[in-house]
N, C-alpha and C. Protein backbone atom coordinates (compact mmCIF):
# COMPACT_ATOMS: atom_id res chain seq x y z
N UNK A 1 -30.18 27.55 37.28
CA UNK A 1 -28.90 28.21 38.03
C UNK A 1 -28.55 28.99 38.40
N UNK A 2 -27.62 29.66 39.37
CA UNK A 2 -27.24 30.00 40.24
C UNK A 2 -26.94 31.50 39.42
N UNK A 3 -26.82 32.51 39.39
CA UNK A 3 -25.62 33.40 38.78
C UNK A 3 -24.60 33.16 39.09
N UNK A 4 -23.75 32.72 40.25
CA UNK A 4 -22.31 32.27 40.93
C UNK A 4 -21.92 31.07 39.66
N UNK A 5 -22.55 30.37 39.30
CA UNK A 5 -22.74 28.83 38.60
C UNK A 5 -22.21 29.76 37.37
N UNK A 6 -24.04 30.36 36.54
CA UNK A 6 -23.14 30.97 35.57
C UNK A 6 -21.80 31.95 34.84
N UNK A 7 -21.59 32.54 36.07
CA UNK A 7 -19.99 32.91 36.26
C UNK A 7 -19.23 32.42 36.00
N UNK A 8 -18.84 30.76 36.95
CA UNK A 8 -17.93 30.57 36.85
C UNK A 8 -17.94 29.77 35.73
N UNK A 9 -18.71 29.09 34.51
CA UNK A 9 -19.29 28.57 33.34
C UNK A 9 -18.26 29.68 32.24
N UNK A 10 -19.26 30.71 32.57
CA UNK A 10 -18.37 31.76 31.69
C UNK A 10 -17.05 31.84 31.92
N UNK A 11 -16.13 31.79 32.98
CA UNK A 11 -15.72 31.97 32.73
C UNK A 11 -14.23 31.39 32.45
N UNK A 12 -14.80 29.84 32.92
CA UNK A 12 -14.31 28.98 32.83
C UNK A 12 -14.04 27.98 30.99
N UNK A 13 -14.94 28.45 29.91
CA UNK A 13 -15.00 28.17 28.96
C UNK A 13 -14.95 29.10 27.99
N UNK A 14 -14.33 30.37 28.74
CA UNK A 14 -13.46 32.18 28.02
C UNK A 14 -12.09 31.21 27.94
N UNK A 15 -12.31 31.12 29.37
CA UNK A 15 -10.65 30.90 29.61
C UNK A 15 -9.91 29.21 28.93
N UNK A 16 -10.82 28.75 29.38
CA UNK A 16 -10.13 27.32 28.20
C UNK A 16 -10.20 27.85 26.28
N UNK A 17 -11.15 28.29 26.33
CA UNK A 17 -10.77 28.80 24.61
C UNK A 17 -9.99 29.91 24.34
N UNK A 18 -9.49 30.97 25.20
CA UNK A 18 -8.23 31.74 25.32
C UNK A 18 -7.41 30.38 25.39
N UNK A 19 -6.95 29.21 26.52
CA UNK A 19 -6.03 28.70 26.52
C UNK A 19 -5.44 27.86 25.04
N UNK A 20 -6.74 27.24 24.98
CA UNK A 20 -6.39 25.97 23.59
C UNK A 20 -5.94 26.99 22.62
N UNK A 21 -6.70 28.35 22.13
CA UNK A 21 -5.98 29.24 21.03
C UNK A 21 -4.66 29.87 21.56
N UNK A 22 -4.26 30.01 22.55
CA UNK A 22 -2.76 29.89 22.61
C UNK A 22 -1.46 28.60 22.66
N UNK A 23 -2.52 27.72 22.65
CA UNK A 23 -1.70 26.63 22.89
C UNK A 23 -1.04 25.90 23.93
N UNK A 24 -2.03 26.38 24.75
CA UNK A 24 -1.36 25.29 26.41
C UNK A 24 -2.95 24.92 26.80
N UNK A 25 -2.52 23.35 25.83
CA UNK A 25 -3.82 22.44 25.92
C UNK A 25 -3.90 22.14 27.18
N UNK A 26 -3.01 21.41 28.23
CA UNK A 26 -2.72 21.27 29.71
C UNK A 26 -3.99 22.54 30.71
N UNK A 27 -3.69 24.22 30.19
CA UNK A 27 -4.18 24.64 30.60
C UNK A 27 -6.06 24.65 30.00
N UNK A 28 -6.04 24.47 29.14
CA UNK A 28 -7.57 24.59 28.66
C UNK A 28 -7.81 23.04 28.97
N UNK A 29 -7.69 21.84 28.87
CA UNK A 29 -8.22 21.04 29.62
C UNK A 29 -8.96 20.81 31.16
N UNK A 30 -7.94 21.69 32.09
CA UNK A 30 -8.59 22.25 33.03
C UNK A 30 -9.09 22.91 33.00
N UNK A 31 -9.22 24.01 32.44
CA UNK A 31 -10.81 24.97 32.48
C UNK A 31 -11.89 24.34 31.87
N UNK A 32 -11.77 23.63 30.92
CA UNK A 32 -12.99 22.99 30.57
C UNK A 32 -13.77 22.29 31.51
N UNK A 33 -12.74 21.07 32.38
CA UNK A 33 -12.91 20.04 33.55
C UNK A 33 -13.85 21.41 34.40
N UNK A 34 -13.60 22.28 34.52
CA UNK A 34 -14.22 22.72 35.27
C UNK A 34 -15.10 23.59 35.14
N UNK A 35 -15.55 23.47 34.17
CA UNK A 35 -16.85 23.76 33.17
C UNK A 35 -18.12 22.75 33.11
N UNK A 36 -17.73 21.91 32.42
CA UNK A 36 -17.95 20.85 33.30
C UNK A 36 -18.12 19.61 34.43
N UNK A 37 -17.67 20.13 35.40
CA UNK A 37 -18.17 20.03 36.71
C UNK A 37 -19.19 20.53 37.46
N UNK A 38 -18.96 21.75 36.81
CA UNK A 38 -20.44 22.39 37.82
C UNK A 38 -21.42 22.03 36.51
N UNK A 39 -21.83 22.07 35.26
CA UNK A 39 -22.38 21.69 34.60
C UNK A 39 -23.00 20.36 35.11
N UNK A 40 -21.75 19.56 35.33
CA UNK A 40 -22.75 17.92 35.82
C UNK A 40 -23.01 18.25 37.84
N UNK A 41 -23.25 19.41 37.91
CA UNK A 41 -22.68 19.44 39.31
C UNK A 41 -24.61 19.28 39.63
N UNK A 42 -24.68 20.59 38.38
CA UNK A 42 -26.67 20.72 38.29
C UNK A 42 -27.34 20.25 37.75
N UNK A 43 -26.65 19.51 36.49
CA UNK A 43 -27.74 18.40 35.60
C UNK A 43 -27.09 17.48 35.58
N UNK A 44 -26.97 16.48 36.99
CA UNK A 44 -26.92 15.01 37.46
C UNK A 44 -27.59 14.06 36.58
N UNK A 45 -28.58 14.24 36.43
CA UNK A 45 -29.31 12.86 35.71
C UNK A 45 -28.84 12.66 33.98
N UNK A 46 -28.63 14.08 33.36
CA UNK A 46 -28.21 14.22 31.91
C UNK A 46 -27.17 13.56 31.95
N UNK A 47 -25.99 13.60 32.81
CA UNK A 47 -24.57 13.51 32.44
C UNK A 47 -24.95 12.00 32.80
N UNK A 48 -26.09 11.38 33.57
CA UNK A 48 -25.89 9.90 33.92
C UNK A 48 -26.05 9.14 32.59
N UNK A 49 -27.04 10.31 31.79
CA UNK A 49 -27.52 9.43 30.14
C UNK A 49 -26.53 8.88 29.27
N UNK A 50 -25.24 10.08 29.37
CA UNK A 50 -24.57 11.00 28.74
C UNK A 50 -23.34 9.09 28.83
N UNK A 51 -23.01 9.50 29.76
CA UNK A 51 -22.05 8.42 30.42
C UNK A 51 -22.55 6.80 30.34
N UNK A 52 -24.13 6.99 30.22
CA UNK A 52 -24.37 5.06 30.07
C UNK A 52 -24.15 5.12 28.36
N UNK A 53 -24.44 5.93 27.74
CA UNK A 53 -24.09 6.02 25.72
C UNK A 53 -23.31 6.45 25.89
N UNK A 54 -22.06 6.58 26.47
CA UNK A 54 -20.70 6.60 25.73
C UNK A 54 -20.03 5.44 25.28
N UNK A 55 -20.16 4.34 25.83
CA UNK A 55 -19.71 2.67 24.94
C UNK A 55 -20.35 2.49 24.03
N UNK A 56 -21.44 3.27 23.75
CA UNK A 56 -21.89 2.80 22.08
C UNK A 56 -21.36 4.09 20.97
N UNK A 57 -21.00 5.00 21.20
CA UNK A 57 -19.89 6.13 20.70
C UNK A 57 -18.42 5.65 20.12
N UNK A 58 -18.18 4.64 21.28
CA UNK A 58 -16.78 4.24 20.99
C UNK A 58 -16.57 3.42 20.51
N UNK A 59 -17.53 2.04 20.65
CA UNK A 59 -17.80 1.07 19.56
C UNK A 59 -17.97 1.85 18.21
N UNK A 60 -18.80 2.58 17.45
CA UNK A 60 -19.46 3.23 16.67
C UNK A 60 -17.90 3.36 16.02
N UNK A 61 -16.96 4.23 16.99
CA UNK A 61 -15.96 5.10 16.21
C UNK A 61 -14.79 4.36 15.86
N UNK A 62 -14.85 2.67 16.58
CA UNK A 62 -13.78 2.34 16.11
C UNK A 62 -14.72 1.41 15.02
N UNK A 63 -15.38 1.24 14.65
CA UNK A 63 -15.82 0.76 13.62
C UNK A 63 -15.58 1.78 12.56
N UNK A 64 -15.98 2.93 12.06
CA UNK A 64 -15.34 3.90 11.22
C UNK A 64 -13.50 3.85 11.22
N UNK A 65 -12.68 3.46 12.29
CA UNK A 65 -11.85 3.78 12.20
C UNK A 65 -10.99 2.51 12.00
N UNK A 66 -11.96 1.67 11.91
CA UNK A 66 -11.36 -0.31 11.04
C UNK A 66 -11.51 0.09 9.46
N UNK A 67 -12.48 0.56 9.56
CA UNK A 67 -12.37 0.89 7.72
C UNK A 67 -12.52 1.62 7.49
N UNK A 68 -11.58 2.45 7.78
CA UNK A 68 -10.87 3.65 7.03
C UNK A 68 -8.99 2.72 6.88
N UNK A 69 -8.75 2.17 7.82
CA UNK A 69 -7.68 1.53 7.85
C UNK A 69 -7.49 0.66 6.26
N UNK A 70 -8.82 -0.57 6.84
CA UNK A 70 -9.00 -0.96 5.89
C UNK A 70 -8.71 -0.38 4.46
N UNK A 71 -9.24 0.57 4.34
CA UNK A 71 -9.35 0.90 2.85
C UNK A 71 -8.55 2.16 2.62
N UNK A 72 -7.20 2.24 3.24
CA UNK A 72 -6.17 2.66 3.41
C UNK A 72 -5.70 1.29 2.94
N UNK A 73 -5.57 0.07 3.25
CA UNK A 73 -4.26 -0.75 3.00
C UNK A 73 -4.49 -0.58 1.61
N UNK A 74 -5.85 -0.56 1.52
CA UNK A 74 -6.42 -1.29 -0.25
C UNK A 74 -5.40 0.02 -0.98
N UNK A 75 -6.18 0.64 -0.83
CA UNK A 75 -5.27 2.21 -1.14
C UNK A 75 -3.68 1.96 -1.71
N UNK A 76 -3.23 1.78 -1.22
CA UNK A 76 -1.67 1.47 -0.27
C UNK A 76 -1.16 0.25 -0.93
N UNK A 77 -1.68 -1.00 -0.81
CA UNK A 77 -1.90 -1.59 -1.84
C UNK A 77 -1.95 -1.92 -3.29
N UNK A 78 -3.09 -0.83 -4.38
CA UNK A 78 -3.46 -1.00 -5.41
C UNK A 78 -2.23 0.06 -5.45
N UNK A 79 -1.62 0.83 -5.24
CA UNK A 79 -0.81 2.20 -5.28
C UNK A 79 0.57 1.27 -5.74
N UNK A 80 1.17 -0.23 -4.76
CA UNK A 80 2.21 -0.22 -5.03
C UNK A 80 1.84 -1.25 -6.73
N UNK A 81 0.92 -1.81 -6.69
CA UNK A 81 1.36 -2.39 -8.21
C UNK A 81 1.16 -1.28 -9.61
N UNK A 82 1.86 -2.27 -10.33
CA UNK A 82 2.48 -1.21 -11.78
C UNK A 82 0.97 -1.44 -12.59
N UNK A 83 0.43 -1.08 -13.69
CA UNK A 83 -0.41 -0.86 -13.98
C UNK A 83 -0.82 -1.92 -14.81
N UNK A 84 -0.03 -2.58 -15.72
CA UNK A 84 -0.08 -4.03 -16.12
C UNK A 84 0.40 -4.99 -15.55
N UNK A 85 0.79 -5.42 -13.89
CA UNK A 85 0.48 -6.06 -13.30
C UNK A 85 -1.26 -5.95 -12.86
N UNK A 86 -1.86 -5.02 -12.21
CA UNK A 86 -2.98 -4.69 -12.32
C UNK A 86 -3.88 -5.20 -13.70
N UNK A 87 -2.84 -4.76 -14.85
CA UNK A 87 -4.26 -5.62 -15.89
C UNK A 87 -4.10 -7.28 -16.10
N UNK A 88 -2.99 -7.97 -15.86
CA UNK A 88 -2.87 -9.01 -15.92
C UNK A 88 -4.01 -9.66 -14.44
N UNK A 89 -3.85 -9.00 -13.21
CA UNK A 89 -4.69 -9.32 -12.19
C UNK A 89 -6.60 -9.95 -12.52
N UNK A 90 -6.80 -9.04 -13.66
CA UNK A 90 -8.34 -8.66 -14.00
C UNK A 90 -8.19 -9.95 -15.15
């Protein structure tokens, strides 16, 4: 990687970090996008692999969220019952 690309990467990552810490999320995302664009231009084959594997990660994440929602619903249902109702149900 050329030295100017390294400088752009370092500056944009630092700017994104500072902007996120100052709670200026739009600017932080923009600065982070610049860093990712420079990185993608340097290593396009790696980013292609990541892009192809993203749907699998999203599917797994959705499964985890569905399990958490089901567990939360069960906990909410169980909390709504009185101890006597739970004992009678058993």
